């Protein structure tokens, strides 16, 4: 998402959406062990399981990184500054911890020793970074853009990730590994049906004009059926509409406050 919003606007909109009472973290019973999801702010999220810490899109201007722990693995989804912050990556990665990013991010050469991972790829078994299987899921706009014929997020540049807390492909394919999907900046793209399977938790964006409405996001997650869905990257929207649209679907919705103290650090 290319942001033109002030931090004050972010906080005001989040408060208006009724998120002030939501917690910043939640614990989930994953397939191979507990998962803790912590909202750092806007698009930044920390995922913990089995003693491993994964941080997706740490961005100091948009998140409270004082909540973040040293990361065993960092994932970057896109080139925009609410997702891509080399200084935050340098601050949070453990010594020699792997950082995975799309080729468009890696090409800027601002993150040392980054692993360039294109769309539709799986790193597992001996290639699993930090012993964690990572799947890159395309993230892009299908219809929304700043002008006719243009898209905010073009196909092939950015990506979401499925994070599976096992280095064994068999455990991932059979749903025996705890798995989390962080979608990145995207509309509901067909690749989700192919690459997002057996996930315990899905974090899905919903903010206009850049990604989806809450109702569109709800229809999207019905297609790949995570056990739990968490709205994130929802600035200016009402995530409770997402929750209402999923009532009776069998998918549990949990709310986290991604704008609790953005911009305080």
Protein backbone atom coordinates (compact mmCIF):
# COMPACT_ATOMS: atom_id res chain seq x y z
CA UNK A 1 0.00 0.00 0.00
CA UNK A 2 1.38 3.42 -0.92
CA UNK A 3 0.51 5.57 2.06
CA UNK A 4 -0.40 9.22 2.07
CA UNK A 5 -1.81 9.09 5.59
CA UNK A 6 -0.38 10.70 8.72
CA UNK A 7 0.11 8.66 11.86
CA UNK A 8 -2.55 10.82 13.53
CA UNK A 9 -5.00 9.90 10.77
CA UNK A 10 -4.22 6.22 11.23
CA UNK A 11 -4.93 6.35 14.94
CA UNK A 12 -8.11 8.38 14.52
CA UNK A 13 -9.51 6.05 11.89
CA UNK A 14 -8.65 2.96 13.91
CA UNK A 15 -10.33 4.40 16.98
CA UNK A 16 -13.40 5.29 14.92
CA UNK A 17 -13.53 1.68 13.80
CA UNK A 18 -13.92 0.61 17.41
CA UNK A 19 -10.57 -1.13 17.75
CA UNK A 20 -9.43 0.57 20.96
CA UNK A 21 -10.56 -2.38 23.10
CA UNK A 22 -9.04 -5.15 20.96
CA UNK A 23 -5.91 -6.90 22.29
CA UNK A 24 -2.58 -6.68 20.49
CA UNK A 25 -1.87 -10.41 20.66
CA UNK A 26 -3.65 -13.76 20.64
CA UNK A 27 -2.70 -17.40 21.20
CA UNK A 28 -3.88 -20.08 18.80
CA UNK A 29 -3.75 -23.86 19.09
CA UNK A 30 -1.84 -24.75 15.91
CA UNK A 31 -1.54 -28.17 14.31
CA UNK A 32 1.93 -28.82 15.77
CA UNK A 33 1.90 -26.45 18.73
CA UNK A 34 0.71 -23.10 20.00
CA UNK A 35 1.04 -20.00 17.83
CA UNK A 36 1.17 -16.48 19.23
CA UNK A 37 0.24 -13.65 16.87
CA UNK A 38 1.19 -10.10 17.91
CA UNK A 39 0.06 -6.97 16.10
CA UNK A 40 3.00 -4.61 15.84
CA UNK A 41 1.13 -2.04 13.75
CA UNK A 42 -0.63 -1.69 10.39
CA UNK A 43 1.09 -4.33 8.20
CA UNK A 44 3.71 -5.42 10.76
CA UNK A 45 3.09 -8.66 12.61
CA UNK A 46 5.07 -11.06 14.79
CA UNK A 47 4.41 -14.81 14.74
CA UNK A 48 5.83 -17.18 17.38
CA UNK A 49 5.71 -20.95 17.57
CA UNK A 50 8.01 -23.72 18.75
CA UNK A 51 10.53 -21.24 20.14
CA UNK A 52 10.90 -19.47 16.78
CA UNK A 53 10.09 -15.82 16.10
CA UNK A 54 9.02 -14.67 12.64
CA UNK A 55 8.37 -11.01 11.86
CA UNK A 56 6.59 -9.93 8.70
CA UNK A 57 7.08 -6.40 7.34
CA UNK A 58 8.65 -4.61 10.32
CA UNK A 59 8.23 -0.90 9.55
CA UNK A 60 9.25 1.55 12.25
CA UNK A 61 7.16 4.48 11.06
CA UNK A 62 3.95 2.45 11.14
CA UNK A 63 4.51 0.01 14.02
CA UNK A 64 5.44 -0.18 17.69
CA UNK A 65 8.57 -2.26 17.39
CA UNK A 66 9.10 -2.20 21.15
CA UNK A 67 6.73 -5.21 21.15
CA UNK A 68 8.97 -7.11 18.76
CA UNK A 69 11.44 -9.80 19.84
CA UNK A 70 14.70 -10.59 18.04
CA UNK A 71 13.68 -12.47 14.93
CA UNK A 72 14.83 -15.89 13.73
CA UNK A 73 13.28 -15.05 10.34
CA UNK A 74 12.08 -11.83 8.74
CA UNK A 75 9.79 -11.70 5.71
CA UNK A 76 9.21 -8.63 3.53
CA UNK A 77 6.22 -8.55 1.20
CA UNK A 78 6.60 -5.44 -1.01
CA UNK A 79 8.60 -2.29 -1.80
CA UNK A 80 6.31 0.26 -0.14
CA UNK A 81 7.55 1.84 3.12
CA UNK A 82 4.79 0.41 5.28
CA UNK A 83 6.20 -3.03 4.40
CA UNK A 84 9.86 -2.41 3.61
CA UNK A 85 12.10 -0.74 6.20
CA UNK A 86 15.76 -1.81 5.99
CA UNK A 87 16.61 -0.08 9.29
CA UNK A 88 13.91 -2.01 11.15
CA UNK A 89 15.07 -5.27 9.58
CA UNK A 90 18.64 -4.58 10.69
CA UNK A 91 17.46 -3.79 14.21
CA UNK A 92 15.30 -6.88 14.68
CA UNK A 93 17.09 -9.73 12.93
CA UNK A 94 19.24 -12.00 15.05
CA UNK A 95 22.86 -12.38 13.91
CA UNK A 96 22.83 -14.22 10.58
CA UNK A 97 19.05 -14.64 10.72
CA UNK A 98 17.60 -15.08 7.21
CA UNK A 99 15.54 -12.37 5.55
CA UNK A 100 13.26 -13.39 2.68
CA UNK A 101 11.95 -10.80 0.22
CA UNK A 102 10.64 -10.54 -3.34
CA UNK A 103 13.24 -9.90 -6.05
CA UNK A 104 12.07 -6.26 -6.36
CA UNK A 105 13.11 -5.67 -2.73
CA UNK A 106 16.32 -7.69 -2.98
CA UNK A 107 17.35 -5.71 -6.08
CA UNK A 108 17.58 -2.52 -4.02
CA UNK A 109 20.48 -4.09 -2.08
CA UNK A 110 19.58 -2.32 1.16
CA UNK A 111 19.28 -5.51 3.21
CA UNK A 112 22.47 -7.59 3.52
CA UNK A 113 22.33 -11.27 2.65
CA UNK A 114 18.67 -11.19 1.68
CA UNK A 115 17.13 -14.31 0.14
CA UNK A 116 15.34 -13.29 -3.07
CA UNK A 117 12.25 -15.46 -3.37
CA UNK A 118 9.89 -14.96 -6.33
CA UNK A 119 6.17 -15.68 -6.35
CA UNK A 120 4.94 -19.28 -6.30
CA UNK A 121 7.94 -20.81 -4.60
CA UNK A 122 8.43 -23.03 -1.57
CA UNK A 123 11.58 -23.20 0.54
CA UNK A 124 11.42 -26.37 2.63
CA UNK A 125 13.52 -29.32 3.78
CA UNK A 126 17.21 -28.29 3.57
CA UNK A 127 16.29 -24.90 2.09
CA UNK A 128 13.84 -23.96 4.85
CA UNK A 129 15.14 -20.68 6.33
CA UNK A 130 15.66 -21.01 10.11
CA UNK A 131 14.04 -24.45 9.87
CA UNK A 132 10.73 -22.86 8.85
CA UNK A 133 9.01 -23.70 5.57
CA UNK A 134 8.10 -20.57 3.61
CA UNK A 135 5.72 -20.41 0.64
CA UNK A 136 5.47 -17.22 -1.43
CA UNK A 137 1.91 -16.51 -2.53
CA UNK A 138 1.27 -13.89 -5.26
CA UNK A 139 -0.16 -10.61 -3.96
CA UNK A 140 -1.48 -8.02 -6.39
CA UNK A 141 -4.44 -5.98 -7.54
CA UNK A 142 -6.90 -7.37 -10.03
CA UNK A 143 -8.99 -4.25 -10.55
CA UNK A 144 -7.92 -1.36 -8.27
CA UNK A 145 -5.41 1.26 -9.24
CA UNK A 146 -4.71 5.01 -9.28
CA UNK A 147 -5.89 5.48 -12.87
CA UNK A 148 -7.47 3.47 -15.70
CA UNK A 149 -5.08 0.79 -16.89
CA UNK A 150 -2.92 1.07 -13.76
CA UNK A 151 -2.82 -1.05 -10.60
CA UNK A 152 -1.58 -0.17 -7.14
CA UNK A 153 0.19 -3.52 -6.85
CA UNK A 154 1.29 -5.20 -10.06
CA UNK A 155 1.42 -8.95 -10.47
CA UNK A 156 4.82 -10.49 -9.71
CA UNK A 157 6.26 -7.65 -7.62
CA UNK A 158 4.92 -8.37 -4.12
CA UNK A 159 3.80 -11.46 -2.29
CA UNK A 160 2.27 -12.85 0.83
CA UNK A 161 3.68 -15.83 2.72
CA UNK A 162 2.55 -19.07 4.25
CA UNK A 163 4.81 -19.78 7.22
CA UNK A 164 4.88 -23.41 8.37
CA UNK A 165 6.73 -24.23 11.58
CA UNK A 166 8.46 -27.32 10.24
CA UNK A 167 11.27 -27.94 7.79
CA UNK A 168 9.66 -31.18 6.61
CA UNK A 169 7.61 -30.96 3.44
CA UNK A 170 5.53 -33.97 4.43
CA UNK A 171 4.37 -32.29 7.63
CA UNK A 172 3.40 -29.17 5.69
CA UNK A 173 1.46 -30.99 2.98
CA UNK A 174 -0.47 -33.14 5.42
CA UNK A 175 -1.41 -30.26 7.70
CA UNK A 176 0.67 -31.54 10.64
CA UNK A 177 2.69 -28.31 10.96
CA UNK A 178 1.34 -25.12 12.51
CA UNK A 179 0.81 -22.70 9.60
CA UNK A 180 0.07 -18.99 9.26
CA UNK A 181 -0.73 -17.06 6.08
CA UNK A 182 0.05 -13.34 5.91
CA UNK A 183 -1.48 -12.09 2.67
CA UNK A 184 0.33 -8.78 2.09
CA UNK A 185 -1.13 -6.08 -0.16
CA UNK A 186 -3.56 -7.96 -2.37
CA UNK A 187 -7.03 -8.49 -3.66
CA UNK A 188 -8.47 -12.01 -3.75
CA UNK A 189 -6.19 -13.62 -6.32
CA UNK A 190 -6.67 -17.14 -7.79
CA UNK A 191 -3.26 -18.31 -6.54
CA UNK A 192 -4.56 -18.38 -2.97
CA UNK A 193 -6.63 -21.47 -3.74
CA UNK A 194 -3.51 -23.27 -4.98
CA UNK A 195 -0.95 -22.24 -2.38
CA UNK A 196 -2.88 -21.57 0.85
CA UNK A 197 -3.92 -24.89 2.39
CA UNK A 198 -4.25 -26.27 5.92
CA UNK A 199 -3.52 -22.91 7.55
CA UNK A 200 -4.36 -22.38 11.19
CA UNK A 201 -4.44 -18.58 10.89
CA UNK A 202 -4.80 -16.14 7.99
CA UNK A 203 -4.13 -12.41 8.25
CA UNK A 204 -6.01 -10.62 5.49
CA UNK A 205 -5.83 -6.96 4.39
CA UNK A 206 -8.90 -4.80 3.93
CA UNK A 207 -8.38 -1.16 3.14
CA UNK A 208 -9.54 0.94 0.25
CA UNK A 209 -8.61 1.88 -2.33
CA UNK A 210 -5.55 -0.34 -2.15
CA UNK A 211 -6.73 -3.90 -1.42
CA UNK A 212 -10.21 -5.22 -0.53
CA UNK A 213 -13.30 -4.20 1.36
CA UNK A 214 -14.08 -6.17 4.54
CA UNK A 215 -16.89 -7.96 2.69
CA UNK A 216 -14.58 -8.91 -0.19
CA UNK A 217 -11.95 -10.16 2.25
CA UNK A 218 -14.56 -12.33 3.97
CA UNK A 219 -15.59 -13.95 0.70
CA UNK A 220 -11.93 -14.47 -0.10
CA UNK A 221 -11.09 -16.42 3.06
CA UNK A 222 -14.13 -18.65 2.52
CA UNK A 223 -12.25 -19.94 -0.51
CA UNK A 224 -9.28 -21.35 1.43
CA UNK A 225 -10.93 -21.80 4.85
CA UNK A 226 -8.40 -21.02 7.56
CA UNK A 227 -9.36 -22.07 11.05
CA UNK A 228 -8.97 -18.49 12.27
CA UNK A 229 -8.98 -15.23 10.29
CA UNK A 230 -7.52 -11.98 11.60
CA UNK A 231 -8.12 -8.61 9.91
CA UNK A 232 -4.96 -6.56 9.49
CA UNK A 233 -3.84 -3.65 7.33
CA UNK A 234 -7.37 -2.27 7.76
CA UNK A 235 -6.77 1.47 8.09
CA UNK A 236 -9.97 3.41 7.43
CA UNK A 237 -12.18 0.31 7.33
CA UNK A 238 -14.47 -1.44 9.81
CA UNK A 239 -13.08 -4.92 10.49
CA UNK A 240 -16.23 -5.80 12.42
CA UNK A 241 -17.94 -5.93 9.02
CA UNK A 242 -15.48 -8.69 8.09
CA UNK A 243 -16.41 -10.59 11.25
CA UNK A 244 -20.12 -10.18 10.57
CA UNK A 245 -19.74 -11.48 7.02
CA UNK A 246 -18.08 -14.67 8.31
CA UNK A 247 -20.70 -15.57 10.90
CA UNK A 248 -21.90 -19.11 10.32
CA UNK A 249 -18.99 -19.93 7.99
CA UNK A 250 -17.10 -22.09 10.46
CA UNK A 251 -14.16 -19.66 10.33
CA UNK A 252 -13.40 -17.99 13.66
CA UNK A 253 -12.55 -14.29 13.50
CA UNK A 254 -10.22 -12.74 16.04
CA UNK A 255 -9.66 -9.00 16.27
CA UNK A 256 -6.28 -7.48 17.09
CA UNK A 257 -5.54 -3.80 17.47
CA UNK A 258 -3.00 -2.98 14.77
CA UNK A 259 -3.17 0.76 15.53
CA UNK A 260 -2.81 0.73 19.32
CA UNK A 261 0.25 2.97 19.43
CA UNK A 262 1.55 3.29 15.89
CA UNK A 263 4.14 5.98 15.47
CA UNK A 264 5.10 6.16 19.14
CA UNK A 265 8.58 4.85 18.54
